[in-house]
């Protein structure tokens, strides 16, 4: 994070850095969410198979991929406003305001 506050870095580079961070956060949070959903589906199906001999939960791969993509898109949208605002700020001035 220290290299972002250096004066020789352009605002575009700062924006790209924020966008890439948003992408990675969205990717990992989507992957974690899909993993938790798959684990819950497995546990639910084991329980219902033992009790009723039927599987009631499925997680198609298209839904898993869509969940990850949606998480990335939401994270990128949420990162647009702070990234553009942060790219325009002077690091010294922003520290003085806090």
C-alpha atoms as a PDB file:
ATOM      1  CA  UNK A   1       0.000   0.000   0.000  1.00  0.00           C
ATOM      2  CA  UNK A   2       2.975   2.333   0.510  1.00  0.00           C
ATOM      3  CA  UNK A   3       3.871   2.379  -3.160  1.00  0.00           C
ATOM      4  CA  UNK A   4       0.440   3.815  -4.007  1.00  0.00           C
ATOM      5  CA  UNK A   5       1.177   6.958  -2.029  1.00  0.00           C
ATOM      6  CA  UNK A   6       4.330   7.753  -3.999  1.00  0.00           C
ATOM      7  CA  UNK A   7       4.128  10.862  -6.147  1.00  0.00           C
ATOM      8  CA  UNK A   8       5.484   9.334  -9.376  1.00  0.00           C
ATOM      9  CA  UNK A   9       2.564   6.899  -9.809  1.00  0.00           C
ATOM     10  CA  UNK A  10      -0.086   8.098 -12.232  1.00  0.00           C
ATOM     11  CA  UNK A  11      -3.787   8.236 -11.317  1.00  0.00           C
ATOM     12  CA  UNK A  12      -4.492   5.621 -13.999  1.00  0.00           C
ATOM     13  CA  UNK A  13      -2.058   3.194 -12.384  1.00  0.00           C
ATOM     14  CA  UNK A  14      -3.740   3.775  -9.026  1.00  0.00           C
ATOM     15  CA  UNK A  15      -7.162   3.098 -10.567  1.00  0.00           C
ATOM     16  CA  UNK A  16      -5.921  -0.065 -12.251  1.00  0.00           C
ATOM     17  CA  UNK A  17      -4.501  -1.237  -8.948  1.00  0.00           C
ATOM     18  CA  UNK A  18      -7.837  -0.690  -7.179  1.00  0.00           C
ATOM     19  CA  UNK A  19      -9.715  -2.453  -9.990  1.00  0.00           C
ATOM     20  CA  UNK A  20      -7.387  -5.452  -9.846  1.00  0.00           C
ATOM     21  CA  UNK A  21      -7.822  -5.644  -6.072  1.00  0.00           C
ATOM     22  CA  UNK A  22     -11.599  -5.550  -6.520  1.00  0.00           C
ATOM     23  CA  UNK A  23     -11.382  -8.337  -9.089  1.00  0.00           C
ATOM     24  CA  UNK A  24      -9.304 -10.584  -6.830  1.00  0.00           C
ATOM     25  CA  UNK A  25     -11.583  -9.935  -3.840  1.00  0.00           C
ATOM     26  CA  UNK A  26     -14.638 -10.791  -5.966  1.00  0.00           C
ATOM     27  CA  UNK A  27     -12.998 -13.927  -7.341  1.00  0.00           C
ATOM     28  CA  UNK A  28     -12.012 -15.298  -3.963  1.00  0.00           C
ATOM     29  CA  UNK A  29     -15.263 -14.375  -2.232  1.00  0.00           C
ATOM     30  CA  UNK A  30     -17.237 -15.992  -5.060  1.00  0.00           C
ATOM     31  CA  UNK A  31     -15.115 -19.132  -4.853  1.00  0.00           C
ATOM     32  CA  UNK A  32     -15.555 -19.290  -1.081  1.00  0.00           C
ATOM     33  CA  UNK A  33     -19.320 -18.781  -1.421  1.00  0.00           C
ATOM     34  CA  UNK A  34     -19.648 -21.512  -4.054  1.00  0.00           C
ATOM     35  CA  UNK A  35     -17.520 -23.856  -1.929  1.00  0.00           C
ATOM     36  CA  UNK A  36     -19.732 -23.288   1.106  1.00  0.00           C
ATOM     37  CA  UNK A  37     -22.860 -23.829  -1.011  1.00  0.00           C
ATOM     38  CA  UNK A  38     -21.434 -27.076  -2.436  1.00  0.00           C
ATOM     39  CA  UNK A  39     -20.520 -28.291   1.056  1.00  0.00           C
ATOM     40  CA  UNK A  40     -24.005 -27.503   2.377  1.00  0.00           C
ATOM     41  CA  UNK A  41     -25.562 -29.249  -0.630  1.00  0.00           C
ATOM     42  CA  UNK A  42     -23.433 -32.333   0.058  1.00  0.00           C
ATOM     43  CA  UNK A  43     -24.357 -32.411   3.753  1.00  0.00           C
ATOM     44  CA  UNK A  44     -28.049 -31.887   2.941  1.00  0.00           C
ATOM     45  CA  UNK A  45     -28.046 -34.658   0.353  1.00  0.00           C
ATOM     46  CA  UNK A  46     -26.309 -37.084   2.714  1.00  0.00           C
ATOM     47  CA  UNK A  47     -28.916 -36.362   5.392  1.00  0.00           C
ATOM     48  CA  UNK A  48     -31.888 -36.678   3.020  1.00  0.00           C
ATOM     49  CA  UNK A  49     -30.475 -39.839   1.430  1.00  0.00           C
ATOM     50  CA  UNK A  50     -30.182 -41.442   4.847  1.00  0.00           C
ATOM     51  CA  UNK A  51     -33.662 -40.365   5.939  1.00  0.00           C
ATOM     52  CA  UNK A  52     -35.757 -40.449   2.766  1.00  0.00           C
ATOM     53  CA  UNK A  53     -33.611 -42.063   0.035  1.00  0.00           C
ATOM     54  CA  UNK A  54     -33.732 -38.950  -2.144  1.00  0.00           C
ATOM     55  CA  UNK A  55     -31.309 -36.142  -3.056  1.00  0.00           C
ATOM     56  CA  UNK A  56     -32.994 -32.757  -2.994  1.00  0.00           C
ATOM     57  CA  UNK A  57     -30.173 -30.263  -3.597  1.00  0.00           C
ATOM     58  CA  UNK A  58     -28.121 -29.884  -6.765  1.00  0.00           C
ATOM     59  CA  UNK A  59     -25.537 -27.289  -7.687  1.00  0.00           C
ATOM     60  CA  UNK A  60     -25.036 -27.306 -11.458  1.00  0.00           C
ATOM     61  CA  UNK A  61     -21.632 -26.093 -12.675  1.00  0.00           C
ATOM     62  CA  UNK A  62     -23.290 -23.282 -14.640  1.00  0.00           C
ATOM     63  CA  UNK A  63     -24.785 -21.903 -11.414  1.00  0.00           C
ATOM     64  CA  UNK A  64     -21.437 -22.163  -9.654  1.00  0.00           C
ATOM     65  CA  UNK A  65     -19.689 -20.265 -12.449  1.00  0.00           C
ATOM     66  CA  UNK A  66     -22.504 -17.706 -12.550  1.00  0.00           C
ATOM     67  CA  UNK A  67     -22.126 -17.180  -8.790  1.00  0.00           C
ATOM     68  CA  UNK A  68     -18.418 -16.499  -9.128  1.00  0.00           C
ATOM     69  CA  UNK A  69     -18.916 -14.169 -12.103  1.00  0.00           C
ATOM     70  CA  UNK A  70     -21.684 -12.291 -10.289  1.00  0.00           C
ATOM     71  CA  UNK A  71     -19.457 -11.883  -7.249  1.00  0.00           C
ATOM     72  CA  UNK A  72     -16.693 -10.444  -9.439  1.00  0.00           C
ATOM     73  CA  UNK A  73     -19.086  -8.026 -11.157  1.00  0.00           C
ATOM     74  CA  UNK A  74     -20.535  -6.775  -7.863  1.00  0.00           C
ATOM     75  CA  UNK A  75     -17.068  -6.353  -6.398  1.00  0.00           C
ATOM     76  CA  UNK A  76     -15.881  -4.438  -9.469  1.00  0.00           C
ATOM     77  CA  UNK A  77     -18.916  -2.143  -9.385  1.00  0.00           C
ATOM     78  CA  UNK A  78     -18.376  -1.518  -5.684  1.00  0.00           C
ATOM     79  CA  UNK A  79     -14.733  -0.654  -6.382  1.00  0.00           C
ATOM     80  CA  UNK A  80     -15.382   1.884  -9.159  1.00  0.00           C
ATOM     81  CA  UNK A  81     -16.385   4.879  -7.054  1.00  0.00           C
ATOM     82  CA  UNK A  82     -13.681   4.600  -4.371  1.00  0.00           C
ATOM     83  CA  UNK A  83     -11.029   3.871  -6.990  1.00  0.00           C
ATOM     84  CA  UNK A  84     -11.795   6.906  -9.098  1.00  0.00           C
ATOM     85  CA  UNK A  85     -11.997   9.123  -6.015  1.00  0.00           C
ATOM     86  CA  UNK A  86      -8.761   7.744  -4.566  1.00  0.00           C
ATOM     87  CA  UNK A  87      -6.922   8.164  -7.869  1.00  0.00           C
ATOM     88  CA  UNK A  88      -7.701  11.892  -7.877  1.00  0.00           C
ATOM     89  CA  UNK A  89      -6.628  12.541  -4.289  1.00  0.00           C
ATOM     90  CA  UNK A  90      -3.229  13.773  -3.277  1.00  0.00           C
ATOM     91  CA  UNK A  91      -1.888  11.351  -0.639  1.00  0.00           C
ATOM     92  CA  UNK A  92      -0.600  14.135   1.599  1.00  0.00           C
ATOM     93  CA  UNK A  93      -3.915  15.996   1.523  1.00  0.00           C
ATOM     94  CA  UNK A  94      -5.926  12.861   2.220  1.00  0.00           C
ATOM     95  CA  UNK A  95      -3.789  12.089   5.264  1.00  0.00           C
ATOM     96  CA  UNK A  96      -4.259  15.639   6.551  1.00  0.00           C
ATOM     97  CA  UNK A  97      -8.052  15.257   6.329  1.00  0.00           C
ATOM     98  CA  UNK A  98      -8.029  12.145   8.496  1.00  0.00           C
END
